[in-house]
Amino acid sequence: MSARRFEGQVVVVTGAAQGIGRGVALELAREGAQLVLADRAQLVEEVAAEVQALGALALVSRVDLETWAGAEQLVAAALAAYGRVDVLINNVGGTIWAQPYQEYTPEQIEAEVRRSLFPTLWCCRAVLPDMVARQQGVIVNVSSIATRSIYRIPYAASKGGVNAMTASLAMEHAQDGIRVNAVATGGTEAPPRR
């Protein structure tokens, strides 16, 4: 039986439709969180049903977090539904292409950065006014051990950016009672992406 460490807390999970995001959402549901599940994939509706079957509240926000408008819409939906965001888990990202750097086109490089850096930048920016006003909050950014790897240079650069912004935000907002951390995941035993 879970310790229910998140009882009554409002937790936003981005990239919640599958993989790490889905696993995090389900565990948070078991531990009592009130969830906002964000993804642009329709699959997030299935995760919401799983979360609700565990007895947790789940609001779905189908947004494109590669854009500021998507992040703004996500946080507005969370605030409208719950009045606050206690925890933000930035999980959107993932390598699109794995190849030697010289083989990437400029369009591929930009697509990788849009997927693996901008959602975290935008979501942190969108949630901070609420957390600063309340003088509390937690942000967890999902990074990667691939910041030092081969054939994924744009992804590595993006996750290196996530690490840098995590450290900077932690220092900038410690005075506001906001904790900002990152986890650097490795390979996971998730089902193939759908």
C-alpha atoms as a PDB file:
ATOM      1  CA  MET A   1       0.000   0.000   0.000  1.00  0.00           C
ATOM      2  CA  SER A   2       1.295   3.430  -0.945  1.00  0.00           C
ATOM      3  CA  ALA A   3       2.173   6.093   1.587  1.00  0.00           C
ATOM      4  CA  ARG A   4      -0.134   8.556  -0.242  1.00  0.00           C
ATOM      5  CA  ARG A   5       2.590  11.207  -0.136  1.00  0.00           C
ATOM      6  CA  PHE A   6       0.696  13.436  -2.586  1.00  0.00           C
ATOM      7  CA  GLU A   7      -2.673  13.421  -0.854  1.00  0.00           C
ATOM      8  CA  GLY A   8      -4.612  16.507  -1.926  1.00  0.00           C
ATOM      9  CA  GLN A   9      -1.769  17.977  -3.971  1.00  0.00           C
ATOM     10  CA  VAL A  10      -2.374  19.285  -7.490  1.00  0.00           C
ATOM     11  CA  VAL A  11       0.203  17.785  -9.833  1.00  0.00           C
ATOM     12  CA  VAL A  12       0.633  18.586 -13.521  1.00  0.00           C
ATOM     13  CA  VAL A  13       2.325  15.841 -15.549  1.00  0.00           C
ATOM     14  CA  THR A  14       3.366  16.703 -19.099  1.00  0.00           C
ATOM     15  CA  GLY A  15       3.894  13.998 -21.688  1.00  0.00           C
ATOM     16  CA  ALA A  16       1.454  11.878 -19.713  1.00  0.00           C
ATOM     17  CA  ALA A  17       0.116   9.766 -22.590  1.00  0.00           C
ATOM     18  CA  GLN A  18       2.769   7.047 -22.457  1.00  0.00           C
ATOM     19  CA  GLY A  19       6.194   5.989 -21.243  1.00  0.00           C
ATOM     20  CA  ILE A  20       7.636   7.730 -18.198  1.00  0.00           C
ATOM     21  CA  GLY A  21       4.785  10.253 -18.044  1.00  0.00           C
ATOM     22  CA  ARG A  22       2.139   7.548 -17.888  1.00  0.00           C
ATOM     23  CA  GLY A  23       4.051   5.669 -15.175  1.00  0.00           C
ATOM     24  CA  VAL A  24       4.478   8.823 -13.114  1.00  0.00           C
ATOM     25  CA  ALA A  25       0.794   9.704 -13.464  1.00  0.00           C
ATOM     26  CA  LEU A  26      -0.344   6.275 -12.313  1.00  0.00           C
ATOM     27  CA  GLU A  27       1.962   6.299  -9.292  1.00  0.00           C
ATOM     28  CA  LEU A  28       0.863   9.805  -8.345  1.00  0.00           C
ATOM     29  CA  ALA A  29      -2.762   8.660  -8.570  1.00  0.00           C
ATOM     30  CA  ARG A  30      -1.987   5.809  -6.176  1.00  0.00           C
ATOM     31  CA  GLU A  31      -0.411   8.341  -3.821  1.00  0.00           C
ATOM     32  CA  GLY A  32      -3.441  10.640  -3.675  1.00  0.00           C
ATOM     33  CA  ALA A  33      -2.610  13.400  -6.176  1.00  0.00           C
ATOM     34  CA  GLN A  34      -5.185  15.438  -8.049  1.00  0.00           C
ATOM     35  CA  LEU A  35      -3.821  15.313 -11.578  1.00  0.00           C
ATOM     36  CA  VAL A  36      -3.666  17.421 -14.690  1.00  0.00           C
ATOM     37  CA  LEU A  37      -2.493  15.169 -17.525  1.00  0.00           C
ATOM     38  CA  ALA A  38      -1.040  17.039 -20.474  1.00  0.00           C
ATOM     39  CA  ASP A  39      -0.222  15.657 -23.885  1.00  0.00           C
ATOM     40  CA  ARG A  40      -1.090  16.364 -27.485  1.00  0.00           C
ATOM     41  CA  ALA A  41      -1.829  12.679 -28.159  1.00  0.00           C
ATOM     42  CA  GLN A  42      -5.357  11.309 -27.808  1.00  0.00           C
ATOM     43  CA  LEU A  43      -3.817   8.437 -25.796  1.00  0.00           C
ATOM     44  CA  VAL A  44      -3.806  10.684 -22.740  1.00  0.00           C
ATOM     45  CA  GLU A  45      -7.543  10.027 -22.423  1.00  0.00           C
ATOM     46  CA  GLU A  46      -6.766   6.336 -21.761  1.00  0.00           C
ATOM     47  CA  VAL A  47      -4.317   7.305 -19.018  1.00  0.00           C
ATOM     48  CA  ALA A  48      -6.952   9.555 -17.469  1.00  0.00           C
ATOM     49  CA  ALA A  49      -9.342   6.587 -17.369  1.00  0.00           C
ATOM     50  CA  GLU A  50      -6.657   4.475 -15.654  1.00  0.00           C
ATOM     51  CA  VAL A  51      -6.039   7.246 -13.116  1.00  0.00           C
ATOM     52  CA  GLN A  52      -9.748   7.619 -12.408  1.00  0.00           C
ATOM     53  CA  ALA A  53     -10.050   3.837 -11.955  1.00  0.00           C
ATOM     54  CA  LEU A  54      -7.522   4.245  -9.142  1.00  0.00           C
ATOM     55  CA  GLY A  55      -9.859   6.751  -7.488  1.00  0.00           C
ATOM     56  CA  ALA A  56      -7.937   9.918  -8.367  1.00  0.00           C
ATOM     57  CA  LEU A  57      -9.177  13.092 -10.007  1.00  0.00           C
ATOM     58  CA  ALA A  58      -7.745  13.673 -13.482  1.00  0.00           C
ATOM     59  CA  LEU A  59      -8.170  16.631 -15.782  1.00  0.00           C
ATOM     60  CA  VAL A  60      -6.927  16.161 -19.353  1.00  0.00           C
ATOM     61  CA  SER A  61      -5.312  19.034 -21.202  1.00  0.00           C
ATOM     62  CA  ARG A  62      -4.653  18.284 -24.894  1.00  0.00           C
ATOM     63  CA  VAL A  63      -2.077  20.928 -25.741  1.00  0.00           C
ATOM     64  CA  ASP A  64       1.043  21.412 -27.834  1.00  0.00           C
ATOM     65  CA  LEU A  65       3.726  22.251 -25.285  1.00  0.00           C
ATOM     66  CA  GLU A  66       6.263  23.112 -27.945  1.00  0.00           C
ATOM     67  CA  THR A  67       4.456  26.471 -27.955  1.00  0.00           C
ATOM     68  CA  TRP A  68       4.009  29.178 -25.336  1.00  0.00           C
ATOM     69  CA  ALA A  69       0.274  29.197 -26.081  1.00  0.00           C
ATOM     70  CA  GLY A  70       0.040  25.497 -25.201  1.00  0.00           C
ATOM     71  CA  ALA A  71       1.861  25.940 -21.888  1.00  0.00           C
ATOM     72  CA  GLU A  72      -0.242  28.960 -21.012  1.00  0.00           C
ATOM     73  CA  GLN A  73      -3.427  27.026 -21.815  1.00  0.00           C
ATOM     74  CA  LEU A  74      -2.295  24.077 -19.670  1.00  0.00           C
ATOM     75  CA  VAL A  75      -1.605  26.167 -16.578  1.00  0.00           C
ATOM     76  CA  ALA A  76      -4.812  28.177 -17.050  1.00  0.00           C
ATOM     77  CA  ALA A  77      -6.802  24.918 -17.162  1.00  0.00           C
ATOM     78  CA  ALA A  78      -5.104  23.635 -14.000  1.00  0.00           C
ATOM     79  CA  LEU A  79      -5.770  26.891 -12.151  1.00  0.00           C
ATOM     80  CA  ALA A  80      -9.385  27.005 -13.324  1.00  0.00           C
ATOM     81  CA  ALA A  81     -10.001  23.429 -12.147  1.00  0.00           C
ATOM     82  CA  TYR A  82      -8.011  23.335  -8.904  1.00  0.00           C
ATOM     83  CA  GLY A  83      -7.023  26.909  -8.046  1.00  0.00           C
ATOM     84  CA  ARG A  84      -3.314  26.155  -7.827  1.00  0.00           C
ATOM     85  CA  VAL A  85      -0.455  23.973  -9.040  1.00  0.00           C
ATOM     86  CA  ASP A  86       1.585  22.361  -6.259  1.00  0.00           C
ATOM     87  CA  VAL A  87       3.887  20.265  -8.443  1.00  0.00           C
ATOM     88  CA  LEU A  88       4.847  20.505 -12.110  1.00  0.00           C
ATOM     89  CA  ILE A  89       6.551  17.501 -13.701  1.00  0.00           C
ATOM     90  CA  ASN A  90       8.034  18.417 -17.077  1.00  0.00           C
ATOM     91  CA  ASN A  91       8.348  15.144 -18.948  1.00  0.00           C
ATOM     92  CA  VAL A  92       7.837  16.095 -22.609  1.00  0.00           C
ATOM     93  CA  GLY A  93      10.798  15.225 -24.813  1.00  0.00           C
ATOM     94  CA  GLY A  94      12.548  12.432 -26.598  1.00  0.00           C
ATOM     95  CA  THR A  95      14.964  11.809 -29.405  1.00  0.00           C
ATOM     96  CA  ILE A  96      13.381  11.958 -32.840  1.00  0.00           C
ATOM     97  CA  TRP A  97      16.416  10.966 -34.921  1.00  0.00           C
ATOM     98  CA  ALA A  98      19.608   9.153 -33.920  1.00  0.00           C
ATOM     99  CA  GLN A  99      22.369   9.819 -36.431  1.00  0.00           C
ATOM    100  CA  PRO A 100      25.780  11.490 -36.734  1.00  0.00           C
ATOM    101  CA  TYR A 101      25.437  15.222 -36.183  1.00  0.00           C
ATOM    102  CA  GLN A 102      26.630  16.169 -39.655  1.00  0.00           C
ATOM    103  CA  GLU A 103      23.692  14.242 -41.123  1.00  0.00           C
ATOM    104  CA  TYR A 104      21.047  16.316 -39.307  1.00  0.00           C
ATOM    105  CA  THR A 105      19.282  18.910 -41.417  1.00  0.00           C
ATOM    106  CA  PRO A 106      18.659  22.344 -39.898  1.00  0.00           C
ATOM    107  CA  GLU A 107      14.943  21.466 -39.754  1.00  0.00           C
ATOM    108  CA  GLN A 108      15.681  18.267 -37.817  1.00  0.00           C
ATOM    109  CA  ILE A 109      17.869  20.146 -35.332  1.00  0.00           C
ATOM    110  CA  GLU A 110      15.135  22.697 -34.711  1.00  0.00           C
ATOM    111  CA  ALA A 111      12.514  19.951 -34.332  1.00  0.00           C
ATOM    112  CA  GLU A 112      14.637  18.168 -31.705  1.00  0.00           C
ATOM    113  CA  VAL A 113      15.115  21.376 -29.697  1.00  0.00           C
ATOM    114  CA  ARG A 114      11.411  22.251 -29.957  1.00  0.00           C
ATOM    115  CA  ARG A 115      10.497  18.818 -28.590  1.00  0.00           C
ATOM    116  CA  SER A 116      13.033  18.414 -25.790  1.00  0.00           C
ATOM    117  CA  LEU A 117      13.814  21.927 -24.522  1.00  0.00           C
ATOM    118  CA  PHE A 118      10.943  24.297 -25.253  1.00  0.00           C
ATOM    119  CA  PRO A 119       8.162  22.421 -23.415  1.00  0.00           C
ATOM    120  CA  THR A 120      10.160  22.652 -20.179  1.00  0.00           C
ATOM    121  CA  LEU A 121      11.063  26.307 -20.760  1.00  0.00           C
ATOM    122  CA  TRP A 122       7.466  27.246 -21.538  1.00  0.00           C
ATOM    123  CA  CYS A 123       5.829  25.243 -18.734  1.00  0.00           C
ATOM    124  CA  CYS A 124       8.201  26.592 -16.074  1.00  0.00           C
ATOM    125  CA  ARG A 125       7.507  30.124 -17.257  1.00  0.00           C
ATOM    126  CA  ALA A 126       3.749  29.524 -17.267  1.00  0.00           C
ATOM    127  CA  VAL A 127       3.541  28.036 -13.761  1.00  0.00           C
ATOM    128  CA  LEU A 128       5.928  30.369 -11.933  1.00  0.00           C
ATOM    129  CA  PRO A 129       3.546  33.322 -11.381  1.00  0.00           C
ATOM    130  CA  ASP A 130       1.162  31.080  -9.388  1.00  0.00           C
ATOM    131  CA  MET A 131       3.953  29.464  -7.389  1.00  0.00           C
ATOM    132  CA  VAL A 132       5.676  32.792  -6.670  1.00  0.00           C
ATOM    133  CA  ALA A 133       2.383  34.356  -5.564  1.00  0.00           C
ATOM    134  CA  ARG A 134       1.775  31.470  -3.160  1.00  0.00           C
ATOM    135  CA  GLN A 135       5.453  31.282  -2.121  1.00  0.00           C
ATOM    136  CA  GLN A 136       5.550  27.528  -2.609  1.00  0.00           C
ATOM    137  CA  GLY A 137       5.796  24.871  -5.279  1.00  0.00           C
ATOM    138  CA  VAL A 138       7.854  22.092  -6.748  1.00  0.00           C
ATOM    139  CA  ILE A 139       9.122  21.693 -10.296  1.00  0.00           C
ATOM    140  CA  VAL A 140      10.688  18.433 -11.458  1.00  0.00           C
ATOM    141  CA  ASN A 141      12.302  18.477 -14.904  1.00  0.00           C
ATOM    142  CA  VAL A 142      12.953  15.169 -16.624  1.00  0.00           C
ATOM    143  CA  SER A 143      16.410  15.317 -18.175  1.00  0.00           C
ATOM    144  CA  SER A 144      18.497  12.453 -19.523  1.00  0.00           C
ATOM    145  CA  ILE A 145      21.834  10.720 -19.154  1.00  0.00           C
ATOM    146  CA  ALA A 146      22.117  11.308 -22.916  1.00  0.00           C
ATOM    147  CA  THR A 147      23.584  14.782 -22.402  1.00  0.00           C
ATOM    148  CA  ARG A 148      26.872  12.953 -22.994  1.00  0.00           C
ATOM    149  CA  SER A 149      26.152  10.549 -25.814  1.00  0.00           C
ATOM    150  CA  ILE A 150      26.636  10.105 -29.531  1.00  0.00           C
ATOM    151  CA  TYR A 151      24.232  10.369 -32.486  1.00  0.00           C
ATOM    152  CA  ARG A 152      21.823  12.572 -30.533  1.00  0.00           C
ATOM    153  CA  ILE A 153      23.582  15.936 -30.381  1.00  0.00           C
ATOM    154  CA  PRO A 154      20.469  18.169 -30.680  1.00  0.00           C
ATOM    155  CA  TYR A 155      18.697  16.091 -28.005  1.00  0.00           C
ATOM    156  CA  ALA A 156      21.806  16.180 -25.798  1.00  0.00           C
ATOM    157  CA  ALA A 157      22.015  19.955 -26.193  1.00  0.00           C
ATOM    158  CA  SER A 158      18.321  20.278 -25.308  1.00  0.00           C
ATOM    159  CA  LYS A 159      18.623  18.197 -22.151  1.00  0.00           C
ATOM    160  CA  GLY A 160      21.816  20.051 -21.238  1.00  0.00           C
ATOM    161  CA  GLY A 161      19.686  23.183 -21.469  1.00  0.00           C
ATOM    162  CA  VAL A 162      17.113  21.582 -19.174  1.00  0.00           C
ATOM    163  CA  ASN A 163      19.887  20.904 -16.635  1.00  0.00           C
ATOM    164  CA  ALA A 164      21.159  24.487 -16.834  1.00  0.00           C
ATOM    165  CA  MET A 165      17.717  26.038 -16.461  1.00  0.00           C
ATOM    166  CA  THR A 166      16.937  23.700 -13.555  1.00  0.00           C
ATOM    167  CA  ALA A 167      19.986  24.861 -11.598  1.00  0.00           C
ATOM    168  CA  SER A 168      19.350  28.508 -12.443  1.00  0.00           C
ATOM    169  CA  LEU A 169      15.651  28.368 -11.531  1.00  0.00           C
ATOM    170  CA  ALA A 170      16.462  26.597  -8.263  1.00  0.00           C
ATOM    171  CA  MET A 171      18.791  29.430  -7.270  1.00  0.00           C
ATOM    172  CA  GLU A 172      16.489  32.177  -8.558  1.00  0.00           C
ATOM    173  CA  HIS A 173      13.373  30.916  -6.768  1.00  0.00           C
ATOM    174  CA  ALA A 174      14.664  29.351  -3.547  1.00  0.00           C
ATOM    175  CA  GLN A 175      13.692  32.632  -1.854  1.00  0.00           C
ATOM    176  CA  ASP A 176      10.123  32.029  -3.074  1.00  0.00           C
ATOM    177  CA  GLY A 177       9.828  28.613  -1.444  1.00  0.00           C
ATOM    178  CA  ILE A 178       9.984  26.856  -4.815  1.00  0.00           C
ATOM    179  CA  ARG A 179      12.103  23.729  -5.188  1.00  0.00           C
ATOM    180  CA  VAL A 180      13.362  22.935  -8.686  1.00  0.00           C
ATOM    181  CA  ASN A 181      15.099  19.648  -9.441  1.00  0.00           C
ATOM    182  CA  ALA A 182      15.868  17.433 -12.407  1.00  0.00           C
ATOM    183  CA  VAL A 183      16.119  13.689 -12.803  1.00  0.00           C
ATOM    184  CA  ALA A 184      18.399  12.284 -15.484  1.00  0.00           C
ATOM    185  CA  THR A 185      16.790   9.091 -16.684  1.00  0.00           C
ATOM    186  CA  GLY A 186      18.399   6.348 -18.698  1.00  0.00           C
ATOM    187  CA  GLY A 187      16.721   3.704 -20.802  1.00  0.00           C
ATOM    188  CA  THR A 188      13.337   2.550 -19.585  1.00  0.00           C
ATOM    189  CA  GLU A 189      11.388  -0.654 -20.010  1.00  0.00           C
ATOM    190  CA  ALA A 190       8.354   1.040 -21.468  1.00  0.00           C
ATOM    191  CA  PRO A 191       6.225  -0.469 -24.214  1.00  0.00           C
ATOM    192  CA  PRO A 192       7.029   0.740 -27.752  1.00  0.00           C
ATOM    193  CA  ARG A 193       5.718   4.220 -28.485  1.00  0.00           C
ATOM    194  CA  ARG A 194       2.223   4.232 -29.951  1.00  0.00           C
END
